[in-house]
Protein backbone atom coordinates (compact mmCIF):
# COMPACT_ATOMS: atom_id res chain seq x y z
CA MET A 1 -55.20 -15.69 -18.87
CA PRO A 2 -54.74 -17.64 -15.63
CA PRO A 3 -52.13 -16.10 -13.30
CA TYR A 4 -49.88 -19.15 -13.48
CA LEU A 5 -49.55 -18.69 -17.26
CA GLU A 6 -48.61 -15.00 -17.08
CA GLN A 7 -45.16 -14.10 -18.37
CA LYS A 8 -42.86 -13.14 -15.51
CA THR A 9 -40.01 -10.70 -15.99
CA THR A 10 -36.73 -11.32 -14.22
CA VAL A 11 -35.55 -8.22 -12.35
CA LEU A 12 -31.78 -7.75 -12.38
CA PRO A 13 -30.06 -6.95 -9.07
CA LEU A 14 -29.31 -3.28 -8.48
CA ALA A 15 -25.56 -3.89 -8.79
CA GLU A 16 -26.09 -5.25 -12.31
CA ARG A 17 -28.60 -2.55 -13.28
CA MET A 18 -26.09 0.14 -12.26
CA ARG A 19 -23.09 -1.44 -13.98
CA PRO A 20 -21.63 1.33 -16.21
CA ARG A 21 -21.24 0.71 -19.93
CA THR A 22 -18.79 3.54 -20.66
CA LEU A 23 -15.68 4.99 -19.05
CA ASP A 24 -17.49 8.28 -18.42
CA LYS A 25 -19.93 6.46 -16.11
CA TYR A 26 -17.19 4.46 -14.39
CA ILE A 27 -16.57 5.53 -10.80
CA GLY A 28 -13.18 5.29 -9.11
CA GLN A 29 -9.70 4.27 -10.30
CA ARG A 30 -8.92 7.72 -11.67
CA HIS A 31 -5.22 6.81 -11.69
CA LEU A 32 -6.04 4.24 -14.38
CA VAL A 33 -9.06 5.57 -16.31
CA GLY A 34 -9.07 9.32 -15.63
CA GLU A 35 -8.27 11.77 -18.40
CA GLY A 36 -4.84 10.95 -19.80
CA ALA A 37 -4.43 7.85 -17.58
CA VAL A 38 -2.78 4.73 -18.96
CA LEU A 39 -5.82 2.45 -19.38
CA ARG A 40 -8.05 5.16 -20.80
CA LYS A 41 -5.42 6.01 -23.44
CA MET A 42 -5.00 2.32 -24.24
CA ILE A 43 -8.75 1.75 -24.60
CA GLU A 44 -9.37 4.91 -26.62
CA SER A 45 -6.51 4.10 -29.01
CA GLY A 46 -7.61 0.48 -29.41
CA ASN A 47 -3.99 -0.65 -28.96
CA LEU A 48 -4.62 -3.07 -26.14
CA SER A 49 -1.84 -5.03 -24.43
CA SER A 50 -2.39 -7.99 -22.13
CA PHE A 51 -2.81 -6.93 -18.51
CA ILE A 52 -3.97 -8.12 -15.11
CA LEU A 53 -6.29 -6.11 -12.86
CA TRP A 54 -5.45 -6.65 -9.20
CA GLY A 55 -7.67 -5.31 -6.47
CA PRO A 56 -10.21 -6.17 -3.76
CA PRO A 57 -13.77 -7.23 -4.61
CA GLY A 58 -16.26 -4.66 -5.86
CA VAL A 59 -13.83 -2.05 -7.21
CA GLY A 60 -14.63 -2.44 -10.92
CA LYS A 61 -12.39 -5.15 -12.39
CA THR A 62 -15.12 -7.03 -14.26
CA THR A 63 -16.91 -3.79 -15.15
CA LEU A 64 -13.75 -2.43 -16.75
CA ALA A 65 -13.39 -5.58 -18.85
CA LYS A 66 -17.01 -5.27 -20.02
CA ILE A 67 -16.50 -1.60 -20.92
CA ILE A 68 -13.57 -2.66 -23.08
CA ALA A 69 -15.77 -5.31 -24.71
CA ASN A 70 -18.39 -2.66 -25.51
CA ARG A 71 -15.86 -0.13 -26.76
CA LEU A 72 -13.65 -2.29 -28.97
CA GLU A 73 -15.11 -4.16 -31.90
CA ARG A 74 -13.21 -7.36 -31.36
CA PRO A 75 -14.21 -10.93 -30.53
CA PHE A 76 -14.55 -11.01 -26.74
CA TYR A 77 -14.51 -14.19 -24.65
CA THR A 78 -15.04 -14.60 -20.93
CA LEU A 79 -13.92 -17.47 -18.73
CA SER A 80 -14.15 -17.93 -14.99
CA ALA A 81 -11.24 -19.73 -13.37
CA VAL A 82 -13.72 -21.30 -10.96
CA THR A 83 -15.53 -23.26 -13.68
CA SER A 84 -13.06 -23.40 -16.59
CA GLY A 85 -10.01 -25.50 -17.29
CA VAL A 86 -7.39 -26.15 -19.97
CA LYS A 87 -10.04 -27.57 -22.33
CA GLU A 88 -12.09 -24.35 -22.26
CA VAL A 89 -8.97 -22.21 -22.68
CA ARG A 90 -7.95 -24.17 -25.79
CA GLU A 91 -11.44 -23.89 -27.25
CA VAL A 92 -11.31 -20.10 -26.89
CA ILE A 93 -7.85 -19.96 -28.46
CA ASP A 94 -9.09 -22.04 -31.42
CA LYS A 95 -12.06 -19.67 -31.86
CA ALA A 96 -9.71 -16.68 -31.67
CA LYS A 97 -7.52 -18.15 -34.43
CA LYS A 98 -10.57 -18.71 -36.64
CA SER A 99 -11.77 -15.15 -35.96
CA ALA A 100 -8.38 -13.83 -37.02
CA SER A 101 -8.70 -15.84 -40.25
CA GLY A 102 -12.04 -14.21 -41.02
CA LEU A 103 -14.07 -17.40 -40.68
CA PHE A 104 -16.57 -15.70 -38.36
CA GLY A 105 -17.01 -12.55 -40.42
CA THR A 106 -14.03 -10.67 -38.99
CA THR A 107 -10.61 -9.95 -40.36
CA ALA A 108 -7.19 -9.78 -38.80
CA THR A 109 -7.29 -5.98 -39.11
CA ASP A 110 -10.15 -5.86 -36.60
CA GLY A 111 -7.59 -6.73 -33.92
CA ASN A 112 -6.98 -9.95 -32.06
CA ALA A 113 -9.55 -11.49 -29.76
CA ILE A 114 -9.79 -10.46 -26.10
CA LEU A 115 -10.00 -13.12 -23.41
CA PHE A 116 -11.17 -12.00 -19.97
CA ILE A 117 -10.44 -14.46 -17.14
CA ASP A 118 -12.09 -13.68 -13.82
CA GLU A 119 -10.28 -14.89 -10.67
CA ILE A 120 -7.22 -15.87 -12.68
CA HIS A 121 -5.38 -16.65 -9.43
CA ARG A 122 -7.50 -19.81 -9.18
CA PHE A 123 -5.98 -21.21 -12.38
CA SER A 124 -3.43 -23.96 -11.76
CA LYS A 125 0.08 -23.75 -13.23
CA SER A 126 -0.86 -26.04 -16.13
CA GLN A 127 -3.94 -23.95 -16.88
CA GLN A 128 -1.87 -20.78 -16.89
CA ASP A 129 0.77 -22.50 -19.05
CA SER A 130 -1.92 -23.16 -21.68
CA LEU A 131 -2.28 -19.39 -22.18
CA LEU A 132 1.39 -18.62 -22.79
CA GLY A 133 1.67 -19.42 -26.49
CA ALA A 134 -1.48 -17.54 -27.50
CA VAL A 135 -0.51 -14.46 -25.49
CA GLU A 136 3.06 -14.53 -26.81
CA GLU A 137 1.93 -14.89 -30.44
CA GLY A 138 -0.78 -12.25 -30.09
CA THR A 139 -3.60 -14.68 -30.88
CA ILE A 140 -5.40 -13.30 -27.84
CA THR A 141 -5.09 -10.25 -25.64
CA LEU A 142 -5.46 -11.42 -22.08
CA ILE A 143 -7.26 -9.45 -19.38
CA GLY A 144 -7.06 -11.17 -16.02
CA ALA A 145 -8.80 -10.15 -12.80
CA THR A 146 -7.61 -11.19 -9.37
CA THR A 147 -8.10 -10.32 -5.71
CA GLU A 148 -4.79 -11.99 -4.83
CA ASN A 149 -1.24 -10.74 -5.26
CA PRO A 150 -0.28 -11.78 -8.83
CA SER A 151 3.37 -12.15 -7.89
CA PHE A 152 2.35 -15.10 -5.71
CA GLU A 153 -0.53 -16.52 -7.72
CA VAL A 154 0.38 -16.01 -11.40
CA ILE A 155 3.28 -17.92 -12.96
CA THR A 156 6.32 -15.82 -13.82
CA PRO A 157 6.27 -16.44 -17.63
CA LEU A 158 2.67 -15.24 -17.84
CA LEU A 159 3.30 -12.33 -15.50
CA SER A 160 6.21 -11.18 -17.67
CA ARG A 161 3.86 -10.97 -20.67
CA CYS A 162 1.29 -8.81 -18.85
CA GLN A 163 1.19 -5.42 -17.22
CA VAL A 164 -0.28 -5.41 -13.71
CA TYR A 165 -2.63 -2.57 -12.79
CA VAL A 166 -3.62 -2.14 -9.16
CA LEU A 167 -7.20 -1.10 -8.40
CA GLN A 168 -7.89 0.62 -5.08
CA PRO A 169 -10.95 0.45 -2.80
CA LEU A 170 -13.39 3.23 -3.60
CA ASP A 171 -12.97 6.23 -1.32
CA LYS A 172 -15.77 8.07 0.47
CA ASP A 173 -16.28 10.58 -2.37
CA ASP A 174 -16.56 7.75 -4.91
CA LEU A 175 -19.14 5.91 -2.81
CA LEU A 176 -21.21 9.06 -2.19
CA ARG A 177 -21.12 9.81 -5.92
CA LEU A 178 -22.39 6.28 -6.59
CA LEU A 179 -25.17 6.77 -4.01
CA THR A 180 -26.27 9.96 -5.76
CA LEU A 181 -26.17 8.21 -9.13
CA VAL A 182 -28.40 5.39 -7.86
CA GLN A 183 -30.92 7.80 -6.35
CA THR A 184 -31.21 9.75 -9.60
CA GLU A 185 -30.95 7.02 -12.24
CA ASP A 186 -32.47 3.78 -10.93
CA GLU A 187 -36.25 3.88 -11.29
CA TYR A 188 -36.97 1.50 -8.44
CA VAL A 189 -34.71 3.29 -5.93
CA LYS A 190 -36.13 6.63 -7.03
CA SER A 191 -39.65 5.35 -6.36
CA CYS A 192 -38.63 4.36 -2.80
CA GLU A 193 -37.66 7.99 -2.05
CA LEU A 194 -34.82 7.12 0.29
CA LYS A 195 -33.36 10.09 2.14
CA PHE A 196 -29.98 9.28 3.69
CA THR A 197 -29.68 11.83 6.52
CA ASP A 198 -26.58 9.94 7.71
CA THR A 199 -24.07 8.17 5.50
CA ASP A 200 -21.31 7.15 7.94
CA ALA A 201 -22.70 3.65 8.50
CA LEU A 202 -23.35 3.15 4.78
CA ILE A 203 -19.75 4.07 3.94
CA ARG A 204 -18.37 1.95 6.78
CA TYR A 205 -20.37 -1.14 5.87
CA SER A 206 -19.46 -0.74 2.18
CA GLY A 207 -15.74 -0.84 2.99
CA GLY A 208 -14.69 0.63 -0.35
CA ASP A 209 -16.72 -2.01 -2.24
CA ALA A 210 -19.21 -0.60 -4.79
CA ARG A 211 -21.11 -3.89 -4.98
CA LYS A 212 -21.60 -3.93 -1.20
CA LEU A 213 -22.89 -0.37 -1.27
CA LEU A 214 -25.40 -1.18 -4.00
CA ASN A 215 -26.51 -4.36 -2.23
CA ILE A 216 -27.07 -2.40 0.99
CA ILE A 217 -29.08 0.26 -0.83
CA GLU A 218 -31.16 -2.48 -2.43
CA LEU A 219 -31.72 -4.13 0.95
CA VAL A 220 -32.79 -0.80 2.47
CA ALA A 221 -35.12 -0.07 -0.47
CA ASN A 222 -36.79 -3.49 -0.24
CA SER A 223 -37.09 -3.31 3.55
CA THR A 224 -38.69 0.15 3.59
CA SER A 225 -40.83 -0.06 0.46
CA THR A 226 -44.09 -0.08 2.44
CA LEU A 227 -43.23 2.88 4.69
CA PRO A 228 -44.61 6.38 4.06
CA LYS A 229 -42.53 8.41 1.62
CA PRO A 230 -39.97 9.88 1.81
CA VAL A 231 -38.10 7.40 4.03
CA GLU A 232 -35.43 8.88 6.29
CA ILE A 233 -32.41 6.56 6.61
CA THR A 234 -30.24 7.17 9.68
CA ASP A 235 -27.06 5.37 10.70
CA GLU A 236 -28.96 3.64 13.49
CA MET A 237 -31.68 2.44 11.14
CA LEU A 238 -29.19 1.19 8.54
CA THR A 239 -27.17 -0.67 11.17
CA ARG A 240 -30.34 -2.38 12.36
CA LEU A 241 -31.25 -3.40 8.81
CA VAL A 242 -27.81 -4.65 7.76
CA GLN A 243 -26.93 -6.49 10.99
CA GLN A 244 -23.53 -7.69 9.84
CA ASN A 245 -19.90 -7.34 10.71
CA PRO A 246 -18.45 -4.59 8.50
CA VAL A 247 -14.90 -5.92 8.78
CA ALA A 248 -13.38 -6.95 5.46
CA TYR A 249 -10.86 -9.69 6.11
CA ASP A 250 -9.94 -12.88 4.32
CA LYS A 251 -7.81 -15.14 6.50
CA ASP A 252 -6.31 -16.74 3.39
CA GLY A 253 -6.07 -13.61 1.31
CA GLU A 254 -4.02 -10.49 0.71
CA MET A 255 -5.61 -8.44 3.50
CA HIS A 256 -4.66 -11.12 6.04
CA TYR A 257 -0.99 -10.56 5.27
CA ASP A 258 -1.33 -6.79 4.94
CA ILE A 259 -2.88 -6.40 8.39
CA ILE A 260 -0.46 -8.68 10.21
CA SER A 261 2.35 -6.78 8.46
CA ALA A 262 0.93 -3.45 9.66
CA PHE A 263 0.59 -4.92 13.17
CA ILE A 264 4.23 -6.06 13.40
CA LYS A 265 5.56 -2.87 11.81
CA SER A 266 3.58 -0.77 14.31
CA ILE A 267 5.18 -2.72 17.18
CA ARG A 268 8.60 -2.30 15.59
CA GLY A 269 7.90 1.39 15.15
CA SER A 270 7.01 1.81 18.86
CA ASP A 271 3.42 2.94 18.15
CA PRO A 272 1.19 1.16 20.71
CA ASP A 273 -1.98 2.88 19.44
CA ALA A 274 -1.52 1.66 15.87
CA ALA A 275 -0.50 -1.80 17.09
CA ILE A 276 -3.64 -2.10 19.23
CA TYR A 277 -5.79 -0.91 16.30
CA TRP A 278 -4.43 -3.59 13.96
CA LEU A 279 -4.81 -6.16 16.73
CA ALA A 280 -8.46 -5.13 17.08
CA ARG A 281 -8.95 -5.50 13.31
CA MET A 282 -7.71 -9.09 13.51
CA VAL A 283 -9.69 -9.93 16.64
CA ALA A 284 -12.92 -8.47 15.17
CA ALA A 285 -12.39 -10.45 11.96
CA GLY A 286 -11.98 -13.77 13.78
CA GLU A 287 -8.27 -14.28 13.19
CA ASP A 288 -6.74 -17.34 14.86
CA PRO A 289 -5.38 -15.96 18.18
CA LYS A 290 -2.50 -18.45 18.12
CA PHE A 291 -1.36 -16.95 14.81
CA ILE A 292 -1.22 -13.50 16.44
CA ALA A 293 0.57 -14.86 19.52
CA ARG A 294 3.18 -16.62 17.38
CA ARG A 295 3.93 -13.36 15.59
CA LEU A 296 4.33 -11.61 18.95
CA VAL A 297 6.95 -14.18 19.99
CA ILE A 298 8.81 -13.60 16.71
CA SER A 299 8.62 -9.82 17.17
CA ALA A 300 9.93 -10.12 20.74
CA SER A 301 13.07 -11.89 19.51
CA GLU A 302 13.53 -10.07 16.19
CA ASP A 303 12.63 -6.46 17.03
CA ILE A 304 12.99 -6.06 20.81
CA GLY A 305 15.68 -8.66 21.31
CA LEU A 306 18.50 -7.91 23.71
CA ALA A 307 17.22 -4.38 24.41
CA ASN A 308 14.61 -6.00 26.66
CA PRO A 309 15.01 -9.79 27.04
CA ASN A 310 11.87 -9.82 29.21
CA ALA A 311 9.83 -9.19 26.04
CA MET A 312 10.37 -12.82 25.05
CA LEU A 313 9.08 -13.95 28.46
CA VAL A 314 5.98 -11.75 28.13
CA ALA A 315 5.26 -12.98 24.58
CA ASN A 316 5.67 -16.61 25.60
CA ALA A 317 3.49 -16.08 28.67
CA CYS A 318 0.84 -14.56 26.39
CA PHE A 319 0.96 -17.63 24.15
CA ASP A 320 0.62 -19.99 27.13
CA THR A 321 -2.18 -17.95 28.69
CA LEU A 322 -4.18 -18.00 25.45
CA GLN A 323 -4.16 -21.79 25.46
CA LYS A 324 -5.36 -21.84 29.08
CA ILE A 325 -8.17 -19.27 28.98
CA GLY A 326 -9.27 -19.36 25.33
CA TRP A 327 -11.45 -16.80 23.58
CA PRO A 328 -12.75 -14.06 23.96
CA GLU A 329 -10.79 -13.32 27.17
CA GLY A 330 -7.60 -14.12 25.26
CA ARG A 331 -7.81 -10.70 23.62
CA ILE A 332 -6.66 -9.16 26.94
CA PRO A 333 -3.24 -10.89 27.23
CA LEU A 334 -2.79 -10.26 23.51
CA ALA A 335 -3.39 -6.55 24.10
CA MET A 336 -1.07 -6.56 27.13
CA ALA A 337 1.76 -8.21 25.20
CA THR A 338 1.18 -5.92 22.20
CA VAL A 339 1.47 -2.74 24.26
CA TYR A 340 4.48 -4.10 26.19
CA LEU A 341 6.35 -4.97 22.99
CA ALA A 342 5.42 -1.71 21.25
CA THR A 343 6.65 0.38 24.20
CA SER A 344 9.84 -1.63 24.75
CA GLN A 345 13.21 -0.39 23.55
CA LYS A 346 14.19 -2.03 20.31
CA SER A 347 17.24 -3.94 19.09
CA ASN A 348 17.71 -6.34 16.20
CA SER A 349 21.37 -7.06 16.99
CA ALA A 350 20.77 -10.78 17.67
CA TYR A 351 18.72 -11.07 14.46
CA MET A 352 21.47 -9.34 12.47
CA ALA A 353 24.17 -11.44 14.15
CA ILE A 354 22.68 -14.81 13.18
CA ASP A 355 22.04 -13.67 9.59
CA ASP A 356 25.59 -12.35 9.32
CA ALA A 357 26.98 -15.63 10.69
CA LEU A 358 24.81 -17.66 8.31
CA GLN A 359 26.17 -15.70 5.34
CA THR A 360 29.70 -16.40 6.54
CA VAL A 361 28.91 -20.11 6.90
CA SER A 362 27.55 -20.20 3.33
CA LYS A 363 30.76 -18.59 2.04
CA THR A 364 33.33 -20.47 4.12
CA GLY A 365 31.76 -23.93 4.34
CA ASN A 366 32.61 -26.48 7.03
CA LEU A 367 35.65 -25.00 8.69
CA PRO A 368 37.34 -27.40 11.16
CA VAL A 369 36.76 -26.94 14.89
CA PRO A 370 40.02 -25.90 16.61
CA LEU A 371 41.61 -28.90 18.35
CA HIS A 372 41.46 -27.40 21.84
CA LEU A 373 37.65 -27.01 21.52
CA ARG A 374 37.00 -30.57 20.37
CA ASN A 375 35.55 -33.24 22.62
CA ALA A 376 37.99 -36.03 23.63
CA PRO A 377 36.02 -38.99 24.99
CA THR A 378 38.55 -41.63 23.79
CA LYS A 379 42.27 -42.24 24.30
CA LEU A 380 42.94 -41.95 20.54
CA MET A 381 41.31 -38.53 20.42
CA LYS A 382 43.45 -37.34 23.32
CA GLU A 383 46.57 -38.64 21.56
CA LEU A 384 45.55 -36.70 18.44
CA GLY A 385 45.42 -33.51 20.47
CA TYR A 386 41.64 -33.20 20.87
CA SER A 387 40.87 -30.83 23.79
CA ASP A 388 44.60 -30.30 24.38
CA GLY A 389 45.22 -26.85 25.84
CA TYR A 390 41.57 -26.05 26.52
CA LYS A 391 41.22 -23.67 29.50
CA TYR A 392 38.18 -24.22 31.73
CA ALA A 393 36.70 -20.74 32.21
CA HIS A 394 35.41 -21.41 35.73
CA ASP A 395 38.95 -21.99 36.97
CA PHE A 396 39.80 -18.33 36.37
CA GLN A 397 38.82 -14.97 37.86
CA ASN A 398 35.40 -13.70 36.74
CA HIS A 399 34.88 -17.18 35.22
CA PHE A 400 36.72 -15.97 32.12
CA VAL A 401 40.00 -16.60 30.33
CA LYS A 402 41.13 -15.36 26.93
CA GLN A 403 41.35 -18.09 24.32
CA GLN A 404 40.31 -18.58 20.71
CA TYR A 405 36.82 -19.95 20.07
CA LEU A 406 36.39 -19.34 16.32
CA PRO A 407 38.02 -21.42 13.56
CA ASP A 408 41.50 -20.18 12.62
CA GLU A 409 40.26 -18.76 9.31
CA LEU A 410 37.71 -16.55 11.13
CA ALA A 411 39.83 -15.41 14.06
CA GLY A 412 38.98 -11.81 14.88
CA GLU A 413 35.58 -11.82 13.09
CA HIS A 414 32.66 -10.03 14.76
CA PHE A 415 29.04 -11.03 14.19
CA TRP A 416 27.24 -9.47 17.14
CA HIS A 417 27.31 -5.67 17.11
CA PRO A 418 25.63 -4.20 20.21
CA GLN A 419 23.17 -1.38 19.65
CA GLY A 420 22.31 1.67 21.75
CA SER A 421 19.87 0.39 24.38
CA PRO A 422 20.92 0.53 28.06
CA GLN A 423 20.67 -3.26 28.39
CA GLU A 424 23.00 -3.85 25.44
CA LYS A 425 25.38 -1.12 26.59
CA LYS A 426 25.70 -2.97 29.87
CA MET A 427 26.41 -6.21 28.00
CA SER A 428 28.86 -4.47 25.68
CA ASP A 429 30.72 -2.85 28.56
CA TRP A 430 31.12 -6.25 30.24
CA MET A 431 32.51 -7.77 27.05
CA GLN A 432 34.87 -4.81 26.69
CA TYR A 433 36.08 -5.31 30.29
CA LEU A 434 36.73 -9.03 29.70
CA TRP A 435 38.15 -8.99 26.18
CA GLY A 436 39.42 -5.46 25.70
CA ASN A 437 39.65 -4.88 21.95
CA LYS A 438 38.80 -8.46 21.11
CA ASN A 439 40.91 -10.05 18.43
CA ASP A 440 40.92 -13.84 18.38
CA SER A 441 44.16 -13.84 16.42
CA GLU A 442 45.82 -12.43 19.54
CA VAL A 443 44.49 -15.17 21.80
CA LYS A 444 45.33 -18.19 19.66
CA LYS A 445 46.27 -21.20 21.68
């Protein structure tokens, strides 16, 4: 037979060849599928409730759904939110209703149909709405998979009908167990006789993602297939083969918000080492430097505040400098501002004061401005008493005179409460010297 007529066999990728078919072969997520864990008990009993699997890529969301499909003898449908819409959802629901009626050789006692939706966070509100009735009535059991926070991406009515289970990145032991499994069970990898004398780079590049680890192993196997056996794989050799940035970071995704949150909380917690680490994570991942600089300005006012007013000047100077010098040198003023803010004394008294005042405004509404504080640009206003009795502070000693500045209904209220930093103690002492035990009701005009 001529070569061009020979039957060619499609070889599945290693990640697909190694996909487990049973829970016993499933690696990771012991808190969900270990002995006695909630999902294992649910699957083994066959009493499946609708749920959403939330976790980063490559941690076993789709695999878990396929294991359920293999284990439970129920109609099983799969949709991808990338390619499916309301029409496809309704078609599946119609099929599920017919299955429940026994039209496709099943009976209602077999259990309702299971619908697995990958990347459910990509469904629009109307697409998610189309699922509500079928989930509520039990026509389908929904299994959703998402890399995004469901509380932001899944509509509340659907979320209330589903449990959310959080899947974690695979830890080092999980990844090493998977490496051993590949080397002993996959015929092609076994034939390549790969000997990993170092595994640090492999674990680092995998980043808790089983699919990444398997893809790297496959790349190494293909790249070294012609070398004498066994092939020794060192960290240096693997780094040379992979040649990619190991940082996992999605500027529009969950990790984006998690890392900036860790960055700001490290500054607030006065840990310059942690703050610089999270800054480096963002810089290495290509985060927009202006986004980082904006957050530094916010932190300077919210967390450092009056304890060190210079922090605001430093943060603003960092923002301005970034726009002048650009990238990559901009990482240096970012680092400088980060360390300065993290090592500064902290106070959120101004932040608390404005929020307290805003709450009071929402409760008390538009209270009238006292007459002596009102502007009086016209004769009529003066005749009505506008500005009458106002005392010009600069005419008095220390440029201060006691008089009421709050509306009558709020006389004596306090919104700013100084905290323990030396700078605020100095400010507080000055206010105490001027006002004594301030009580606006005592200084009414």
